[in-house]
Amino acid sequence: MDDLDRRLINRLQCGLPLVRHPWQQLAHELASRPGELLDRLHDLLEDGVLTRFGPMFDIEQLGGAFTLAALAVPEARFETVAAQLNELPQVAHNYRREHHWNMWFVLACASAAELAQALSRIEALTGLAVLNLPKEHTYHVGLYFPV
């Protein structure tokens, strides 16, 4: 990762400019070219430096439902269960925690009914009880990790 990659990552954390040609404006800001920035972004994603680039939507405002959930997965089954979750389109991501509930994941569904079905399906698929932790309050945190 070079200086331009770092500056690009730092700038993208603030969002894309809301203009007709955002990559052109970013290129001007970063003294680069739009094509070069897009190529770098694709390389950062392909190399795993970045895991995701895209919009964030408030799924509840769109009529959908989501929840944070967890499983207590025996260590011998951890990779298998992670693969099972990763196959489900409703699972946004999952990650390991050093806790009894060692696998955490976010479920995003089109409706509350679909969310309930997805939770039941995960229990049936894995044979494990799901700890469902729906959001009680919304907090907006301006998260920024300078690189």
N, C-alpha and C. Protein backbone atom coordinates (compact mmCIF):
# COMPACT_ATOMS: atom_id res chain seq x y z
N MET A 1 0.85 -1.17 0.00
CA MET A 1 0.00 0.00 0.00
C MET A 1 0.90 1.24 0.00
N ASP A 2 0.65 2.13 -0.94
CA ASP A 2 1.46 3.34 -1.00
C ASP A 2 0.65 4.53 -0.48
N ASP A 3 1.23 5.71 -0.59
CA ASP A 3 0.60 6.92 -0.05
C ASP A 3 -0.75 7.19 -0.71
N LEU A 4 -0.87 7.00 -2.03
CA LEU A 4 -2.14 7.26 -2.69
C LEU A 4 -3.22 6.28 -2.22
N ASP A 5 -2.86 5.02 -2.03
CA ASP A 5 -3.82 4.05 -1.48
C ASP A 5 -4.33 4.53 -0.11
N ARG A 6 -3.41 4.96 0.74
CA ARG A 6 -3.79 5.42 2.07
C ARG A 6 -4.70 6.64 1.99
N ARG A 7 -4.34 7.59 1.16
CA ARG A 7 -5.16 8.79 1.03
C ARG A 7 -6.54 8.45 0.46
N LEU A 8 -6.58 7.50 -0.48
CA LEU A 8 -7.86 7.07 -1.05
C LEU A 8 -8.74 6.42 0.02
N ILE A 9 -8.17 5.50 0.79
CA ILE A 9 -8.94 4.85 1.86
C ILE A 9 -9.43 5.88 2.87
N ASN A 10 -8.56 6.78 3.27
CA ASN A 10 -8.97 7.81 4.23
C ASN A 10 -10.09 8.67 3.67
N ARG A 11 -9.98 9.05 2.43
CA ARG A 11 -11.01 9.92 1.82
C ARG A 11 -12.33 9.17 1.65
N LEU A 12 -12.28 7.92 1.24
CA LEU A 12 -13.51 7.15 1.02
C LEU A 12 -14.28 6.90 2.32
N GLN A 13 -13.58 6.91 3.44
CA GLN A 13 -14.27 6.74 4.71
C GLN A 13 -15.21 7.91 5.01
N CYS A 14 -15.02 9.02 4.34
CA CYS A 14 -15.89 10.19 4.51
C CYS A 14 -17.04 10.17 3.51
N GLY A 15 -17.09 9.17 2.64
CA GLY A 15 -18.15 9.07 1.65
C GLY A 15 -17.74 9.63 0.31
N LEU A 16 -18.49 9.24 -0.71
CA LEU A 16 -18.27 9.78 -2.05
C LEU A 16 -18.92 11.15 -2.14
N PRO A 17 -18.33 12.05 -2.89
CA PRO A 17 -18.98 13.35 -3.10
C PRO A 17 -20.32 13.16 -3.82
N LEU A 18 -21.32 13.88 -3.41
CA LEU A 18 -22.64 13.79 -4.02
C LEU A 18 -22.72 14.76 -5.20
N VAL A 19 -22.01 14.40 -6.25
CA VAL A 19 -21.96 15.18 -7.48
C VAL A 19 -22.14 14.22 -8.65
N ARG A 20 -22.35 14.77 -9.85
CA ARG A 20 -22.59 13.95 -11.03
C ARG A 20 -21.42 13.00 -11.33
N HIS A 21 -20.19 13.47 -11.14
CA HIS A 21 -18.99 12.67 -11.44
C HIS A 21 -18.10 12.59 -10.19
N PRO A 22 -18.49 11.75 -9.21
CA PRO A 22 -17.73 11.72 -7.95
C PRO A 22 -16.28 11.29 -8.10
N TRP A 23 -16.01 10.35 -9.01
CA TRP A 23 -14.63 9.88 -9.15
C TRP A 23 -13.74 10.95 -9.77
N GLN A 24 -14.31 11.80 -10.58
CA GLN A 24 -13.56 12.91 -11.15
C GLN A 24 -13.19 13.91 -10.04
N GLN A 25 -14.15 14.19 -9.17
CA GLN A 25 -13.86 15.10 -8.06
C GLN A 25 -12.82 14.50 -7.12
N LEU A 26 -12.97 13.20 -6.80
CA LEU A 26 -11.97 12.55 -5.95
C LEU A 26 -10.58 12.59 -6.58
N ALA A 27 -10.52 12.37 -7.88
CA ALA A 27 -9.23 12.41 -8.57
C ALA A 27 -8.62 13.80 -8.45
N HIS A 28 -9.43 14.82 -8.58
CA HIS A 28 -8.92 16.19 -8.43
C HIS A 28 -8.40 16.40 -7.00
N GLU A 29 -9.18 15.96 -6.01
CA GLU A 29 -8.77 16.11 -4.60
C GLU A 29 -7.47 15.38 -4.30
N LEU A 30 -7.29 14.20 -4.91
CA LEU A 30 -6.14 13.35 -4.60
C LEU A 30 -5.02 13.45 -5.62
N ALA A 31 -5.15 14.40 -6.55
CA ALA A 31 -4.12 14.61 -7.59
C ALA A 31 -3.85 13.30 -8.35
N SER A 32 -4.92 12.72 -8.87
CA SER A 32 -4.83 11.46 -9.59
C SER A 32 -5.79 11.50 -10.77
N ARG A 33 -6.12 10.31 -11.29
CA ARG A 33 -7.09 10.18 -12.38
C ARG A 33 -8.21 9.25 -11.93
N PRO A 34 -9.45 9.47 -12.38
CA PRO A 34 -10.56 8.62 -11.95
C PRO A 34 -10.29 7.13 -12.20
N GLY A 35 -9.79 6.79 -13.38
CA GLY A 35 -9.51 5.39 -13.69
C GLY A 35 -8.49 4.77 -12.76
N GLU A 36 -7.47 5.53 -12.42
CA GLU A 36 -6.45 5.02 -11.50
C GLU A 36 -7.05 4.76 -10.12
N LEU A 37 -7.90 5.67 -9.64
CA LEU A 37 -8.52 5.47 -8.33
C LEU A 37 -9.42 4.25 -8.32
N LEU A 38 -10.20 4.07 -9.38
CA LEU A 38 -11.06 2.89 -9.45
C LEU A 38 -10.24 1.60 -9.53
N ASP A 39 -9.17 1.63 -10.29
CA ASP A 39 -8.29 0.45 -10.37
C ASP A 39 -7.70 0.13 -9.00
N ARG A 40 -7.28 1.15 -8.29
CA ARG A 40 -6.70 0.94 -6.96
C ARG A 40 -7.76 0.39 -6.00
N LEU A 41 -8.97 0.93 -6.08
CA LEU A 41 -10.04 0.43 -5.22
C LEU A 41 -10.30 -1.05 -5.50
N HIS A 42 -10.38 -1.42 -6.77
CA HIS A 42 -10.58 -2.84 -7.12
C HIS A 42 -9.43 -3.70 -6.61
N ASP A 43 -8.20 -3.21 -6.73
CA ASP A 43 -7.04 -3.97 -6.23
C ASP A 43 -7.10 -4.13 -4.70
N LEU A 44 -7.47 -3.07 -4.00
CA LEU A 44 -7.57 -3.14 -2.54
C LEU A 44 -8.64 -4.15 -2.11
N LEU A 45 -9.73 -4.21 -2.85
CA LEU A 45 -10.77 -5.20 -2.57
C LEU A 45 -10.29 -6.61 -2.90
N GLU A 46 -9.67 -6.76 -4.06
CA GLU A 46 -9.19 -8.09 -4.49
C GLU A 46 -8.12 -8.63 -3.56
N ASP A 47 -7.24 -7.75 -3.06
CA ASP A 47 -6.17 -8.16 -2.17
C ASP A 47 -6.63 -8.38 -0.73
N GLY A 48 -7.89 -8.01 -0.44
CA GLY A 48 -8.41 -8.19 0.91
C GLY A 48 -8.05 -7.07 1.87
N VAL A 49 -7.39 -6.02 1.37
CA VAL A 49 -7.10 -4.88 2.23
C VAL A 49 -8.41 -4.23 2.66
N LEU A 50 -9.34 -4.11 1.71
CA LEU A 50 -10.71 -3.69 2.00
C LEU A 50 -11.60 -4.91 1.79
N THR A 51 -12.59 -5.07 2.64
CA THR A 51 -13.48 -6.21 2.49
C THR A 51 -14.80 -5.83 1.85
N ARG A 52 -15.12 -4.55 1.84
CA ARG A 52 -16.40 -4.12 1.29
C ARG A 52 -16.30 -2.66 0.88
N PHE A 53 -16.98 -2.33 -0.22
CA PHE A 53 -17.14 -0.94 -0.63
C PHE A 53 -18.54 -0.81 -1.21
N GLY A 54 -19.35 0.01 -0.62
CA GLY A 54 -20.70 0.18 -1.11
C GLY A 54 -21.52 1.03 -0.18
N PRO A 55 -22.75 1.28 -0.57
CA PRO A 55 -23.62 2.15 0.25
C PRO A 55 -24.09 1.45 1.51
N MET A 56 -24.46 2.26 2.48
CA MET A 56 -25.08 1.77 3.70
C MET A 56 -26.53 2.24 3.68
N PHE A 57 -27.46 1.31 3.83
CA PHE A 57 -28.87 1.64 3.82
C PHE A 57 -29.47 1.38 5.19
N ASP A 58 -30.46 2.17 5.57
CA ASP A 58 -31.23 1.91 6.78
C ASP A 58 -32.35 0.96 6.38
N ILE A 59 -32.12 -0.33 6.56
CA ILE A 59 -33.04 -1.34 6.06
C ILE A 59 -34.43 -1.20 6.67
N GLU A 60 -34.51 -0.74 7.91
CA GLU A 60 -35.82 -0.57 8.54
C GLU A 60 -36.62 0.54 7.85
N GLN A 61 -35.95 1.60 7.41
CA GLN A 61 -36.63 2.67 6.69
C GLN A 61 -37.17 2.18 5.35
N LEU A 62 -36.57 1.12 4.82
CA LEU A 62 -37.01 0.54 3.56
C LEU A 62 -38.02 -0.59 3.76
N GLY A 63 -38.45 -0.80 5.00
CA GLY A 63 -39.44 -1.83 5.28
C GLY A 63 -38.86 -3.18 5.66
N GLY A 64 -37.55 -3.28 5.75
CA GLY A 64 -36.89 -4.54 6.06
C GLY A 64 -36.64 -4.71 7.55
N ALA A 65 -35.90 -5.74 7.88
CA ALA A 65 -35.59 -6.04 9.28
C ALA A 65 -34.18 -6.62 9.37
N PHE A 66 -33.52 -6.33 10.47
CA PHE A 66 -32.20 -6.92 10.69
C PHE A 66 -31.99 -7.13 12.18
N THR A 67 -31.01 -7.95 12.47
CA THR A 67 -30.67 -8.21 13.86
C THR A 67 -29.21 -8.63 13.97
N LEU A 68 -28.66 -8.44 15.13
CA LEU A 68 -27.37 -9.01 15.49
C LEU A 68 -27.67 -10.31 16.21
N ALA A 69 -26.95 -11.35 15.86
CA ALA A 69 -27.19 -12.66 16.46
C ALA A 69 -25.87 -13.35 16.76
N ALA A 70 -25.95 -14.37 17.59
CA ALA A 70 -24.73 -15.10 17.96
C ALA A 70 -25.04 -16.58 18.14
N LEU A 71 -23.99 -17.37 17.98
CA LEU A 71 -24.04 -18.81 18.20
C LEU A 71 -22.89 -19.20 19.12
N ALA A 72 -23.12 -20.20 19.94
CA ALA A 72 -22.06 -20.81 20.73
C ALA A 72 -21.63 -22.06 19.95
N VAL A 73 -20.56 -21.94 19.19
CA VAL A 73 -20.15 -23.00 18.27
C VAL A 73 -18.98 -23.79 18.87
N PRO A 74 -19.10 -25.11 18.96
CA PRO A 74 -17.95 -25.90 19.39
C PRO A 74 -16.76 -25.65 18.44
N GLU A 75 -15.59 -25.53 19.01
CA GLU A 75 -14.41 -25.18 18.21
C GLU A 75 -14.21 -26.11 17.03
N ALA A 76 -14.46 -27.39 17.20
CA ALA A 76 -14.27 -28.35 16.12
C ALA A 76 -15.20 -28.09 14.94
N ARG A 77 -16.31 -27.41 15.17
CA ARG A 77 -17.28 -27.13 14.10
C ARG A 77 -17.23 -25.68 13.61
N PHE A 78 -16.35 -24.87 14.17
CA PHE A 78 -16.39 -23.43 13.89
C PHE A 78 -16.31 -23.12 12.40
N GLU A 79 -15.35 -23.65 11.70
CA GLU A 79 -15.18 -23.35 10.27
C GLU A 79 -16.36 -23.87 9.44
N THR A 80 -16.88 -25.02 9.81
CA THR A 80 -18.03 -25.59 9.09
C THR A 80 -19.26 -24.70 9.25
N VAL A 81 -19.52 -24.27 10.49
CA VAL A 81 -20.69 -23.42 10.74
C VAL A 81 -20.50 -22.05 10.07
N ALA A 82 -19.29 -21.52 10.11
CA ALA A 82 -19.03 -20.24 9.43
C ALA A 82 -19.33 -20.37 7.94
N ALA A 83 -18.93 -21.46 7.33
CA ALA A 83 -19.21 -21.69 5.91
C ALA A 83 -20.71 -21.80 5.66
N GLN A 84 -21.43 -22.47 6.57
CA GLN A 84 -22.89 -22.58 6.42
C GLN A 84 -23.54 -21.20 6.46
N LEU A 85 -23.11 -20.35 7.40
CA LEU A 85 -23.67 -19.00 7.48
C LEU A 85 -23.33 -18.18 6.25
N ASN A 86 -22.09 -18.30 5.78
CA ASN A 86 -21.66 -17.52 4.63
C ASN A 86 -22.44 -17.86 3.36
N GLU A 87 -23.04 -19.03 3.32
CA GLU A 87 -23.85 -19.44 2.17
C GLU A 87 -25.23 -18.80 2.15
N LEU A 88 -25.66 -18.26 3.28
CA LEU A 88 -26.99 -17.69 3.38
C LEU A 88 -26.98 -16.23 2.93
N PRO A 89 -27.82 -15.86 1.98
CA PRO A 89 -27.80 -14.48 1.48
C PRO A 89 -28.22 -13.45 2.53
N GLN A 90 -28.92 -13.87 3.56
CA GLN A 90 -29.36 -12.94 4.59
C GLN A 90 -28.25 -12.56 5.57
N VAL A 91 -27.17 -13.34 5.59
CA VAL A 91 -26.07 -13.08 6.52
C VAL A 91 -25.13 -12.06 5.90
N ALA A 92 -25.08 -10.89 6.52
CA ALA A 92 -24.23 -9.82 5.99
C ALA A 92 -22.76 -10.14 6.24
N HIS A 93 -22.43 -10.61 7.43
CA HIS A 93 -21.06 -10.99 7.77
C HIS A 93 -21.10 -11.75 9.09
N ASN A 94 -20.04 -12.48 9.37
CA ASN A 94 -19.93 -13.12 10.68
C ASN A 94 -18.49 -13.00 11.15
N TYR A 95 -18.31 -13.10 12.44
CA TYR A 95 -16.97 -12.96 13.00
C TYR A 95 -16.86 -13.69 14.32
N ARG A 96 -15.63 -14.02 14.67
CA ARG A 96 -15.32 -14.77 15.90
C ARG A 96 -15.16 -13.79 17.06
N ARG A 97 -15.67 -14.20 18.22
CA ARG A 97 -15.47 -13.46 19.46
C ARG A 97 -14.92 -14.42 20.49
N GLU A 98 -14.11 -13.92 21.38
CA GLU A 98 -13.56 -14.73 22.47
C GLU A 98 -14.56 -14.70 23.62
N HIS A 99 -15.55 -15.58 23.54
CA HIS A 99 -16.66 -15.58 24.48
C HIS A 99 -17.39 -16.90 24.31
N HIS A 100 -18.27 -17.24 25.26
CA HIS A 100 -19.10 -18.44 25.08
C HIS A 100 -19.86 -18.34 23.75
N TRP A 101 -20.46 -17.19 23.49
CA TRP A 101 -21.13 -16.93 22.20
C TRP A 101 -20.02 -16.48 21.26
N ASN A 102 -19.38 -17.41 20.59
CA ASN A 102 -18.14 -17.13 19.87
C ASN A 102 -18.30 -16.79 18.39
N MET A 103 -19.51 -16.94 17.83
CA MET A 103 -19.71 -16.56 16.43
C MET A 103 -20.87 -15.56 16.37
N TRP A 104 -20.57 -14.36 15.92
CA TRP A 104 -21.55 -13.30 15.83
C TRP A 104 -21.80 -12.99 14.36
N PHE A 105 -23.04 -12.62 14.05
CA PHE A 105 -23.37 -12.32 12.66
C PHE A 105 -24.55 -11.35 12.60
N VAL A 106 -24.68 -10.70 11.46
CA VAL A 106 -25.77 -9.78 11.21
C VAL A 106 -26.67 -10.39 10.15
N LEU A 107 -27.96 -10.42 10.43
CA LEU A 107 -28.96 -10.90 9.47
C LEU A 107 -29.74 -9.70 8.96
N ALA A 108 -29.89 -9.60 7.65
CA ALA A 108 -30.69 -8.54 7.04
C ALA A 108 -31.73 -9.20 6.13
N CYS A 109 -32.99 -8.89 6.37
CA CYS A 109 -34.08 -9.55 5.63
C CYS A 109 -35.09 -8.51 5.14
N ALA A 110 -35.92 -8.95 4.22
CA ALA A 110 -36.91 -8.05 3.62
C ALA A 110 -38.07 -7.74 4.56
N SER A 111 -38.29 -8.56 5.58
CA SER A 111 -39.40 -8.34 6.50
C SER A 111 -39.10 -9.02 7.84
N ALA A 112 -39.89 -8.67 8.85
CA ALA A 112 -39.74 -9.31 10.16
C ALA A 112 -40.06 -10.80 10.07
N ALA A 113 -41.04 -11.15 9.24
CA ALA A 113 -41.39 -12.57 9.07
C ALA A 113 -40.22 -13.34 8.46
N GLU A 114 -39.57 -12.76 7.44
CA GLU A 114 -38.41 -13.42 6.83
C GLU A 114 -37.26 -13.54 7.81
N LEU A 115 -37.09 -12.54 8.68
CA LEU A 115 -36.05 -12.59 9.70
C LEU A 115 -36.29 -13.76 10.65
N ALA A 116 -37.52 -13.93 11.09
CA ALA A 116 -37.85 -15.05 11.98
C ALA A 116 -37.59 -16.39 11.29
N GLN A 117 -37.94 -16.47 10.00
CA GLN A 117 -37.69 -17.70 9.25
C GLN A 117 -36.18 -17.97 9.13
N ALA A 118 -35.41 -16.92 8.89
CA ALA A 118 -33.95 -17.09 8.75
C ALA A 118 -33.34 -17.57 10.07
N LEU A 119 -33.78 -17.01 11.19
CA LEU A 119 -33.27 -17.45 12.49
C LEU A 119 -33.60 -18.93 12.73
N SER A 120 -34.83 -19.32 12.40
CA SER A 120 -35.22 -20.73 12.56
C SER A 120 -34.41 -21.63 11.63
N ARG A 121 -34.18 -21.17 10.41
CA ARG A 121 -33.40 -21.96 9.44
C ARG A 121 -31.98 -22.17 9.94
N ILE A 122 -31.37 -21.13 10.52
CA ILE A 122 -30.01 -21.25 11.03
C ILE A 122 -29.96 -22.26 12.18
N GLU A 123 -30.95 -22.22 13.05
CA GLU A 123 -30.99 -23.21 14.14
C GLU A 123 -31.12 -24.62 13.59
N ALA A 124 -31.99 -24.80 12.59
CA ALA A 124 -32.17 -26.13 12.00
C ALA A 124 -30.91 -26.58 11.26
N LEU A 125 -30.30 -25.67 10.54
CA LEU A 125 -29.12 -25.98 9.74
C LEU A 125 -27.92 -26.35 10.59
N THR A 126 -27.72 -25.60 11.70
CA THR A 126 -26.53 -25.80 12.52
C THR A 126 -26.76 -26.70 13.72
N GLY A 127 -28.04 -26.84 14.12
CA GLY A 127 -28.33 -27.59 15.34
C GLY A 127 -27.96 -26.82 16.59
N LEU A 128 -27.76 -25.51 16.46
CA LEU A 128 -27.37 -24.67 17.58
C LEU A 128 -28.42 -23.61 17.85
N ALA A 129 -28.60 -23.25 19.12
CA ALA A 129 -29.52 -22.18 19.48
C ALA A 129 -28.93 -20.83 19.07
N VAL A 130 -29.78 -19.96 18.53
CA VAL A 130 -29.36 -18.62 18.11
C VAL A 130 -29.73 -17.63 19.21
N LEU A 131 -28.76 -16.82 19.60
CA LEU A 131 -29.01 -15.69 20.49
C LEU A 131 -29.36 -14.50 19.61
N ASN A 132 -30.61 -14.06 19.68
CA ASN A 132 -31.10 -12.96 18.84
C ASN A 132 -31.04 -11.66 19.64
N LEU A 133 -30.33 -10.67 19.11
CA LEU A 133 -30.14 -9.39 19.80
C LEU A 133 -30.61 -8.23 18.92
N PRO A 134 -31.93 -8.06 18.78
CA PRO A 134 -32.43 -6.99 17.92
C PRO A 134 -32.09 -5.62 18.50
N LYS A 135 -32.00 -4.66 17.62
CA LYS A 135 -31.67 -3.28 17.99
C LYS A 135 -32.79 -2.69 18.83
N GLU A 136 -32.42 -2.04 19.91
CA GLU A 136 -33.40 -1.34 20.74
C GLU A 136 -33.37 0.17 20.48
N HIS A 137 -32.19 0.70 20.20
CA HIS A 137 -32.03 2.13 19.95
C HIS A 137 -31.04 2.30 18.80
N THR A 138 -31.17 3.40 18.08
CA THR A 138 -30.23 3.73 17.01
C THR A 138 -29.28 4.80 17.50
N TYR A 139 -28.00 4.57 17.32
CA TYR A 139 -26.97 5.55 17.65
C TYR A 139 -26.16 5.80 16.39
N HIS A 140 -25.91 7.03 16.06
CA HIS A 140 -25.11 7.36 14.89
C HIS A 140 -23.72 7.76 15.37
N VAL A 141 -22.76 6.96 14.99
CA VAL A 141 -21.38 7.18 15.40
C VAL A 141 -20.56 7.46 14.14
N GLY A 142 -19.87 8.57 14.11
CA GLY A 142 -18.99 8.86 12.97
C GLY A 142 -17.68 8.11 13.15
N LEU A 143 -17.63 6.91 12.61
CA LEU A 143 -16.47 6.05 12.77
C LEU A 143 -15.47 6.33 11.66
N TYR A 144 -14.23 6.53 12.03
CA TYR A 144 -13.19 6.83 11.07
C TYR A 144 -11.89 6.21 11.55
N PHE A 145 -11.25 5.42 10.69
CA PHE A 145 -9.97 4.79 11.02
C PHE A 145 -8.91 5.32 10.07
N PRO A 146 -8.16 6.34 10.48
CA PRO A 146 -7.13 6.87 9.56
C PRO A 146 -6.05 5.82 9.29
N VAL A 147 -5.68 5.73 8.02
CA VAL A 147 -4.68 4.76 7.60
C VAL A 147 -3.38 5.50 7.35
